[in-house]
Amino acid sequence: MLLNRQADPLARDDQGNTCLHVAAATRGMEEVLRKMLEKHRKRAGGGGERNAAGLSVMHVACLAGHLEAVALLCEVDPQSAHVLTPPPAGEGDTGSESAMHLCLGAEEATALRMMKLLLSKRCNPFAEREPDKKTVAMLAQASAVLGGGE
C-alpha cells in the first residue's frame, strides 16, 4: 500500500536501516521485498544500501537466517552475495565478513541451504574473515567438531 502511494522504501530509521533492510530480515515480507527490489534494483543490489553498521541488505538477510530473502537478493543481483561487511571499527569486532560467514549464525539446516545457494553464485568458502583470517570452511568445520561453537 505504501509503495502504491509513492512512499520512499529507501528512507532510513535511526539505525540507518531502509525498508529493504527490514523486509530482508522479516519472514512473511518476501513479496514486499520483491516489489521494492524490482523498483529500486540499481540502488538495492551490490551492497549499495548499507545501514549505520555498514551492513548491506544481503548481510541483514543472512544474519536473520532468511533464506527466501537471500534467494531473492541473489536473483536480483548475484554480486550482492560477494560484498564484505566493513572493516572493524574497534576492538572485539569480527571484521570484514562475507555473506557466507554471516550465514553460519543461522539455524543449521537454514545455514546449509543459504550456503548452498551462495556457493551456486560462486561465493568463495575460502575467503578469509578479517582480522583473524578464518575462512567459512574453517569455521564450519570447527562448528561441526565443537558441536556448534567456534
N, C-alpha and C. Protein backbone atom coordinates (compact mmCIF):
# COMPACT_ATOMS: atom_id res chain seq x y z
N MET A 1 0.83 -1.19 0.00
CA MET A 1 0.00 0.00 0.00
C MET A 1 0.88 1.26 0.00
N LEU A 2 1.89 1.29 0.88
CA LEU A 2 2.76 2.46 0.92
C LEU A 2 3.51 2.64 -0.38
N LEU A 3 3.92 1.53 -1.01
CA LEU A 3 4.62 1.62 -2.29
C LEU A 3 3.71 2.20 -3.36
N ASN A 4 2.43 1.83 -3.32
CA ASN A 4 1.48 2.37 -4.29
C ASN A 4 1.28 3.87 -4.10
N ARG A 5 1.52 4.37 -2.91
CA ARG A 5 1.35 5.80 -2.62
C ARG A 5 2.68 6.55 -2.72
N GLN A 6 3.66 5.92 -3.36
CA GLN A 6 4.96 6.54 -3.61
C GLN A 6 5.78 6.78 -2.34
N ALA A 7 5.55 5.99 -1.30
CA ALA A 7 6.40 6.09 -0.10
C ALA A 7 7.81 5.69 -0.49
N ASP A 8 8.79 6.28 0.15
CA ASP A 8 10.19 6.03 -0.19
C ASP A 8 10.70 4.80 0.55
N PRO A 9 10.89 3.67 -0.14
CA PRO A 9 11.38 2.46 0.53
C PRO A 9 12.85 2.56 0.93
N LEU A 10 13.50 3.65 0.54
CA LEU A 10 14.90 3.83 0.91
C LEU A 10 15.07 4.86 2.03
N ALA A 11 13.93 5.32 2.60
CA ALA A 11 14.01 6.18 3.78
C ALA A 11 14.63 5.36 4.92
N ARG A 12 15.34 6.02 5.82
CA ARG A 12 16.10 5.32 6.87
C ARG A 12 15.53 5.56 8.26
N ASP A 13 15.67 4.51 9.10
CA ASP A 13 15.32 4.66 10.51
C ASP A 13 16.55 5.18 11.27
N ASP A 14 16.46 5.22 12.60
CA ASP A 14 17.57 5.78 13.38
C ASP A 14 18.83 4.91 13.38
N GLN A 15 18.75 3.65 12.92
CA GLN A 15 19.93 2.80 12.76
C GLN A 15 20.41 2.75 11.30
N GLY A 16 19.80 3.57 10.48
CA GLY A 16 20.20 3.62 9.08
C GLY A 16 19.60 2.52 8.22
N ASN A 17 18.69 1.73 8.78
CA ASN A 17 18.05 0.67 8.00
C ASN A 17 17.00 1.25 7.08
N THR A 18 16.97 0.75 5.85
CA THR A 18 15.91 1.10 4.91
C THR A 18 14.80 0.06 5.05
N CYS A 19 13.70 0.31 4.36
CA CYS A 19 12.64 -0.71 4.31
C CYS A 19 13.15 -2.00 3.70
N LEU A 20 14.13 -1.89 2.80
CA LEU A 20 14.74 -3.09 2.22
C LEU A 20 15.42 -3.92 3.30
N HIS A 21 16.16 -3.27 4.20
CA HIS A 21 16.81 -3.99 5.30
C HIS A 21 15.78 -4.70 6.18
N VAL A 22 14.71 -3.98 6.52
CA VAL A 22 13.68 -4.54 7.40
C VAL A 22 12.99 -5.72 6.72
N ALA A 23 12.62 -5.56 5.46
CA ALA A 23 11.94 -6.65 4.74
C ALA A 23 12.86 -7.86 4.58
N ALA A 24 14.16 -7.62 4.36
CA ALA A 24 15.11 -8.73 4.19
C ALA A 24 15.28 -9.52 5.48
N ALA A 25 15.05 -8.89 6.61
CA ALA A 25 15.22 -9.56 7.90
C ALA A 25 13.93 -10.16 8.44
N THR A 26 12.80 -9.90 7.77
CA THR A 26 11.49 -10.28 8.32
C THR A 26 10.80 -11.32 7.46
N ARG A 27 10.56 -12.48 8.04
CA ARG A 27 9.83 -13.53 7.32
C ARG A 27 8.39 -13.06 7.09
N GLY A 28 7.85 -13.42 5.94
CA GLY A 28 6.50 -13.02 5.59
C GLY A 28 6.47 -11.74 4.77
N MET A 29 7.64 -11.11 4.56
CA MET A 29 7.72 -9.85 3.82
C MET A 29 8.35 -10.07 2.44
N GLU A 30 8.37 -11.30 1.96
CA GLU A 30 9.06 -11.62 0.72
C GLU A 30 8.47 -10.87 -0.48
N GLU A 31 7.15 -10.80 -0.56
CA GLU A 31 6.52 -10.12 -1.71
C GLU A 31 6.80 -8.62 -1.66
N VAL A 32 6.79 -8.04 -0.48
CA VAL A 32 7.12 -6.62 -0.32
C VAL A 32 8.57 -6.40 -0.74
N LEU A 33 9.46 -7.27 -0.30
CA LEU A 33 10.88 -7.17 -0.66
C LEU A 33 11.03 -7.27 -2.19
N ARG A 34 10.34 -8.22 -2.78
CA ARG A 34 10.42 -8.40 -4.24
C ARG A 34 10.00 -7.12 -4.97
N LYS A 35 8.88 -6.53 -4.56
CA LYS A 35 8.40 -5.31 -5.23
C LYS A 35 9.38 -4.16 -5.04
N MET A 36 9.94 -4.01 -3.85
CA MET A 36 10.91 -2.94 -3.63
C MET A 36 12.17 -3.17 -4.45
N LEU A 37 12.62 -4.42 -4.54
CA LEU A 37 13.81 -4.73 -5.32
C LEU A 37 13.59 -4.48 -6.81
N GLU A 38 12.38 -4.79 -7.29
CA GLU A 38 12.07 -4.52 -8.70
C GLU A 38 12.15 -3.03 -9.00
N LYS A 39 11.64 -2.23 -8.07
CA LYS A 39 11.60 -0.79 -8.29
C LYS A 39 12.96 -0.12 -8.07
N HIS A 40 13.73 -0.63 -7.14
CA HIS A 40 15.00 0.01 -6.77
C HIS A 40 16.18 -0.92 -6.99
N ARG A 41 16.13 -1.69 -8.05
CA ARG A 41 17.14 -2.70 -8.38
C ARG A 41 18.57 -2.14 -8.35
N LYS A 42 18.79 -1.01 -8.97
CA LYS A 42 20.15 -0.47 -9.08
C LYS A 42 20.71 -0.03 -7.73
N ARG A 43 19.88 0.54 -6.87
CA ARG A 43 20.36 1.03 -5.58
C ARG A 43 20.40 -0.07 -4.53
N ALA A 44 19.59 -1.12 -4.69
CA ALA A 44 19.48 -2.14 -3.66
C ALA A 44 20.58 -3.18 -3.72
N GLY A 45 21.03 -3.49 -4.90
CA GLY A 45 22.00 -4.57 -5.06
C GLY A 45 23.42 -4.14 -4.82
N GLY A 46 24.30 -5.11 -4.80
CA GLY A 46 25.72 -4.84 -4.73
C GLY A 46 26.18 -4.17 -3.46
N GLY A 47 25.36 -4.21 -2.43
CA GLY A 47 25.77 -3.59 -1.18
C GLY A 47 25.60 -2.09 -1.17
N GLY A 48 24.88 -1.54 -2.18
CA GLY A 48 24.73 -0.10 -2.29
C GLY A 48 24.02 0.54 -1.12
N GLU A 49 23.04 -0.13 -0.57
CA GLU A 49 22.31 0.41 0.57
C GLU A 49 22.82 -0.27 1.84
N ARG A 50 23.53 0.49 2.66
CA ARG A 50 24.06 -0.04 3.92
C ARG A 50 23.48 0.74 5.08
N ASN A 51 23.32 0.05 6.20
CA ASN A 51 22.82 0.72 7.40
C ASN A 51 23.98 1.38 8.16
N ALA A 52 23.69 1.93 9.32
CA ALA A 52 24.71 2.66 10.08
C ALA A 52 25.87 1.74 10.49
N ALA A 53 25.61 0.45 10.63
CA ALA A 53 26.66 -0.52 10.99
C ALA A 53 27.45 -0.95 9.75
N GLY A 54 27.05 -0.47 8.58
CA GLY A 54 27.74 -0.82 7.34
C GLY A 54 27.24 -2.11 6.70
N LEU A 55 26.13 -2.63 7.19
CA LEU A 55 25.61 -3.90 6.66
C LEU A 55 24.70 -3.66 5.46
N SER A 56 24.92 -4.45 4.42
CA SER A 56 24.07 -4.38 3.23
C SER A 56 22.77 -5.14 3.50
N VAL A 57 21.85 -5.03 2.56
CA VAL A 57 20.59 -5.76 2.66
C VAL A 57 20.87 -7.27 2.68
N MET A 58 21.83 -7.74 1.88
CA MET A 58 22.20 -9.16 1.87
C MET A 58 22.74 -9.59 3.22
N HIS A 59 23.59 -8.78 3.83
CA HIS A 59 24.15 -9.12 5.14
C HIS A 59 23.05 -9.30 6.17
N VAL A 60 22.08 -8.39 6.16
CA VAL A 60 20.98 -8.45 7.12
C VAL A 60 20.16 -9.72 6.91
N ALA A 61 19.90 -10.06 5.65
CA ALA A 61 19.13 -11.29 5.35
C ALA A 61 19.88 -12.53 5.85
N CYS A 62 21.19 -12.56 5.63
CA CYS A 62 22.00 -13.71 6.09
C CYS A 62 22.01 -13.80 7.61
N LEU A 63 22.21 -12.67 8.27
CA LEU A 63 22.23 -12.66 9.74
C LEU A 63 20.89 -13.13 10.32
N ALA A 64 19.80 -12.78 9.63
CA ALA A 64 18.47 -13.17 10.10
C ALA A 64 18.13 -14.61 9.74
N GLY A 65 18.98 -15.26 8.93
CA GLY A 65 18.68 -16.62 8.50
C GLY A 65 17.47 -16.68 7.59
N HIS A 66 17.27 -15.62 6.80
CA HIS A 66 16.08 -15.50 5.95
C HIS A 66 16.42 -15.99 4.53
N LEU A 67 16.31 -17.30 4.35
CA LEU A 67 16.67 -17.95 3.10
C LEU A 67 15.95 -17.37 1.89
N GLU A 68 14.65 -17.11 2.02
CA GLU A 68 13.89 -16.59 0.89
C GLU A 68 14.40 -15.22 0.47
N ALA A 69 14.77 -14.38 1.42
CA ALA A 69 15.30 -13.06 1.11
C ALA A 69 16.67 -13.18 0.44
N VAL A 70 17.50 -14.09 0.93
CA VAL A 70 18.81 -14.31 0.31
C VAL A 70 18.62 -14.75 -1.14
N ALA A 71 17.68 -15.65 -1.38
CA ALA A 71 17.41 -16.13 -2.74
C ALA A 71 16.93 -14.98 -3.63
N LEU A 72 16.03 -14.15 -3.13
CA LEU A 72 15.55 -13.00 -3.90
C LEU A 72 16.68 -12.04 -4.24
N LEU A 73 17.51 -11.75 -3.26
CA LEU A 73 18.63 -10.83 -3.48
C LEU A 73 19.62 -11.39 -4.50
N CYS A 74 19.87 -12.68 -4.43
CA CYS A 74 20.76 -13.32 -5.41
C CYS A 74 20.15 -13.28 -6.80
N GLU A 75 18.85 -13.43 -6.88
CA GLU A 75 18.15 -13.38 -8.17
C GLU A 75 18.25 -11.99 -8.79
N VAL A 76 18.04 -10.96 -7.99
CA VAL A 76 18.07 -9.58 -8.47
C VAL A 76 19.49 -9.13 -8.77
N ASP A 77 20.42 -9.46 -7.89
CA ASP A 77 21.81 -9.01 -8.06
C ASP A 77 22.75 -10.05 -7.48
N PRO A 78 23.20 -11.01 -8.29
CA PRO A 78 24.10 -12.06 -7.80
C PRO A 78 25.37 -11.52 -7.14
N GLN A 79 25.81 -10.33 -7.55
CA GLN A 79 27.03 -9.76 -6.97
C GLN A 79 26.85 -9.35 -5.51
N SER A 80 25.61 -9.16 -5.06
CA SER A 80 25.39 -8.74 -3.67
C SER A 80 25.89 -9.79 -2.68
N ALA A 81 26.00 -11.03 -3.13
CA ALA A 81 26.49 -12.11 -2.26
C ALA A 81 27.98 -12.00 -2.00
N HIS A 82 28.69 -11.19 -2.77
CA HIS A 82 30.14 -11.09 -2.66
C HIS A 82 30.62 -9.88 -1.87
N VAL A 83 29.70 -9.02 -1.43
CA VAL A 83 30.06 -7.79 -0.72
C VAL A 83 30.46 -8.14 0.71
N LEU A 84 31.54 -7.53 1.17
CA LEU A 84 32.01 -7.75 2.54
C LEU A 84 31.44 -6.72 3.50
N THR A 85 31.33 -7.12 4.76
CA THR A 85 30.98 -6.15 5.80
C THR A 85 32.14 -5.17 5.93
N PRO A 86 31.92 -4.03 6.57
CA PRO A 86 33.01 -3.06 6.69
C PRO A 86 34.11 -3.57 7.62
N PRO A 87 35.31 -3.01 7.49
CA PRO A 87 36.40 -3.41 8.39
C PRO A 87 36.09 -3.04 9.83
N PRO A 88 36.79 -3.63 10.78
CA PRO A 88 36.49 -3.39 12.19
C PRO A 88 36.61 -1.92 12.57
N ALA A 89 35.66 -1.49 13.41
CA ALA A 89 35.68 -0.11 13.90
C ALA A 89 36.38 -0.03 15.25
N GLY A 90 36.46 -1.13 15.95
CA GLY A 90 37.07 -1.11 17.28
C GLY A 90 37.45 -2.51 17.73
N GLU A 91 37.99 -2.59 18.90
CA GLU A 91 38.41 -3.88 19.45
C GLU A 91 37.21 -4.80 19.63
N GLY A 92 37.42 -6.07 19.38
CA GLY A 92 36.38 -7.07 19.60
C GLY A 92 35.50 -7.31 18.39
N ASP A 93 35.57 -6.46 17.37
CA ASP A 93 34.78 -6.67 16.17
C ASP A 93 35.32 -7.88 15.41
N THR A 94 34.42 -8.56 14.70
CA THR A 94 34.86 -9.71 13.92
C THR A 94 35.51 -9.27 12.62
N GLY A 95 35.27 -8.05 12.20
CA GLY A 95 35.91 -7.54 11.00
C GLY A 95 35.13 -7.83 9.75
N SER A 96 35.80 -7.73 8.63
CA SER A 96 35.14 -7.94 7.34
C SER A 96 34.74 -9.40 7.19
N GLU A 97 33.47 -9.59 6.86
CA GLU A 97 32.95 -10.94 6.67
C GLU A 97 32.13 -10.97 5.39
N SER A 98 32.09 -12.13 4.77
CA SER A 98 31.26 -12.32 3.59
C SER A 98 29.86 -12.76 4.02
N ALA A 99 28.95 -12.78 3.05
CA ALA A 99 27.60 -13.28 3.32
C ALA A 99 27.67 -14.71 3.84
N MET A 100 28.59 -15.50 3.30
CA MET A 100 28.72 -16.89 3.75
C MET A 100 29.14 -16.96 5.22
N HIS A 101 30.05 -16.08 5.64
CA HIS A 101 30.43 -16.04 7.06
C HIS A 101 29.21 -15.77 7.93
N LEU A 102 28.38 -14.83 7.50
CA LEU A 102 27.23 -14.43 8.31
C LEU A 102 26.17 -15.52 8.38
N CYS A 103 26.10 -16.39 7.37
CA CYS A 103 25.14 -17.50 7.37
C CYS A 103 25.39 -18.49 8.51
N LEU A 104 26.62 -18.58 8.95
CA LEU A 104 26.97 -19.58 9.95
C LEU A 104 26.25 -19.38 11.27
N GLY A 105 25.72 -18.17 11.50
CA GLY A 105 24.98 -17.91 12.73
C GLY A 105 23.55 -18.40 12.71
N ALA A 106 23.06 -18.81 11.55
CA ALA A 106 21.67 -19.26 11.43
C ALA A 106 21.52 -20.70 11.93
N GLU A 107 20.29 -21.11 12.10
CA GLU A 107 19.97 -22.50 12.46
C GLU A 107 20.62 -23.39 11.41
N GLU A 108 21.12 -24.54 11.81
CA GLU A 108 21.97 -25.37 10.96
C GLU A 108 21.39 -25.70 9.59
N ALA A 109 20.14 -26.17 9.53
CA ALA A 109 19.56 -26.55 8.24
C ALA A 109 19.41 -25.32 7.34
N THR A 110 19.01 -24.20 7.91
CA THR A 110 18.88 -22.96 7.14
C THR A 110 20.25 -22.48 6.68
N ALA A 111 21.24 -22.54 7.55
CA ALA A 111 22.60 -22.12 7.20
C ALA A 111 23.11 -22.95 6.02
N LEU A 112 22.88 -24.24 6.05
CA LEU A 112 23.34 -25.11 4.96
C LEU A 112 22.66 -24.76 3.64
N ARG A 113 21.34 -24.49 3.69
CA ARG A 113 20.63 -24.12 2.46
C ARG A 113 21.11 -22.77 1.94
N MET A 114 21.33 -21.81 2.84
CA MET A 114 21.83 -20.50 2.39
C MET A 114 23.23 -20.63 1.80
N MET A 115 24.07 -21.43 2.43
CA MET A 115 25.44 -21.59 1.93
C MET A 115 25.44 -22.30 0.58
N LYS A 116 24.57 -23.28 0.40
CA LYS A 116 24.47 -23.96 -0.89
C LYS A 116 24.05 -22.97 -1.97
N LEU A 117 23.09 -22.12 -1.66
CA LEU A 117 22.65 -21.10 -2.61
C LEU A 117 23.81 -20.14 -2.94
N LEU A 118 24.52 -19.68 -1.92
CA LEU A 118 25.63 -18.74 -2.14
C LEU A 118 26.77 -19.40 -2.92
N LEU A 119 27.01 -20.68 -2.65
CA LEU A 119 28.03 -21.40 -3.43
C LEU A 119 27.63 -21.47 -4.90
N SER A 120 26.34 -21.62 -5.17
CA SER A 120 25.87 -21.66 -6.56
C SER A 120 26.09 -20.32 -7.26
N LYS A 121 26.26 -19.26 -6.47
CA LYS A 121 26.56 -17.92 -7.01
C LYS A 121 28.06 -17.66 -7.02
N ARG A 122 28.83 -18.73 -6.82
CA ARG A 122 30.29 -18.69 -6.85
C ARG A 122 30.92 -17.90 -5.70
N CYS A 123 30.26 -17.89 -4.56
CA CYS A 123 30.88 -17.30 -3.38
C CYS A 123 32.03 -18.20 -2.95
N ASN A 124 33.04 -17.61 -2.41
CA ASN A 124 34.27 -18.33 -2.07
C ASN A 124 34.26 -18.79 -0.61
N PRO A 125 34.16 -20.10 -0.36
CA PRO A 125 34.18 -20.58 1.02
C PRO A 125 35.55 -20.47 1.67
N PHE A 126 36.55 -20.09 0.88
CA PHE A 126 37.90 -19.94 1.42
C PHE A 126 38.31 -18.48 1.57
N ALA A 127 37.33 -17.57 1.39
CA ALA A 127 37.60 -16.15 1.63
C ALA A 127 37.88 -15.98 3.12
N GLU A 128 38.88 -15.19 3.44
CA GLU A 128 39.28 -15.01 4.84
C GLU A 128 38.52 -13.87 5.49
N ARG A 129 38.10 -14.12 6.72
CA ARG A 129 37.48 -13.11 7.55
C ARG A 129 38.59 -12.28 8.18
N GLU A 130 38.38 -10.99 8.27
CA GLU A 130 39.37 -10.12 8.93
C GLU A 130 38.93 -9.88 10.36
N PRO A 131 39.76 -9.74 11.33
CA PRO A 131 41.21 -9.79 11.25
C PRO A 131 41.80 -11.16 11.54
N ASP A 132 40.97 -12.18 11.82
CA ASP A 132 41.51 -13.47 12.27
C ASP A 132 41.87 -14.44 11.15
N LYS A 133 41.59 -14.08 9.91
CA LYS A 133 41.95 -14.89 8.73
C LYS A 133 41.23 -16.24 8.66
N LYS A 134 40.13 -16.38 9.39
CA LYS A 134 39.39 -17.65 9.34
C LYS A 134 38.47 -17.67 8.13
N THR A 135 38.46 -18.80 7.44
CA THR A 135 37.60 -18.98 6.28
C THR A 135 36.28 -19.59 6.72
N VAL A 136 35.28 -19.50 5.85
CA VAL A 136 33.99 -20.13 6.13
C VAL A 136 34.20 -21.63 6.32
N ALA A 137 35.02 -22.23 5.49
CA ALA A 137 35.29 -23.67 5.60
C ALA A 137 35.87 -24.01 6.97
N MET A 138 36.81 -23.20 7.46
CA MET A 138 37.42 -23.45 8.77
C MET A 138 36.38 -23.30 9.89
N LEU A 139 35.56 -22.26 9.81
CA LEU A 139 34.56 -22.02 10.84
C LEU A 139 33.49 -23.10 10.85
N ALA A 140 33.07 -23.54 9.67
CA ALA A 140 32.06 -24.60 9.59
C ALA A 140 32.60 -25.91 10.15
N GLN A 141 33.86 -26.21 9.86
CA GLN A 141 34.47 -27.43 10.38
C GLN A 141 34.59 -27.35 11.90
N ALA A 142 35.02 -26.20 12.42
CA ALA A 142 35.14 -26.04 13.86
C ALA A 142 33.78 -26.16 14.54
N SER A 143 32.75 -25.60 13.91
CA SER A 143 31.42 -25.67 14.46
C SER A 143 30.95 -27.11 14.55
N ALA A 144 31.20 -27.90 13.51
CA ALA A 144 30.80 -29.31 13.50
C ALA A 144 31.57 -30.11 14.54
N VAL A 145 32.87 -29.85 14.66
CA VAL A 145 33.71 -30.59 15.61
C VAL A 145 33.36 -30.24 17.03
N LEU A 146 33.07 -28.95 17.28
CA LEU A 146 32.81 -28.48 18.64
C LEU A 146 31.32 -28.51 19.00
N GLY A 147 30.50 -29.00 18.10
CA GLY A 147 29.08 -29.08 18.40
C GLY A 147 28.39 -27.74 18.41
N GLY A 148 28.74 -26.85 17.49
CA GLY A 148 28.05 -25.59 17.36
C GLY A 148 28.85 -24.39 17.79
N GLY A 149 29.95 -24.57 18.52
CA GLY A 149 30.76 -23.43 18.93
C GLY A 149 31.91 -23.22 18.00
N GLU A 150 32.50 -22.02 18.06
CA GLU A 150 33.65 -21.72 17.20
C GLU A 150 34.94 -22.20 17.82
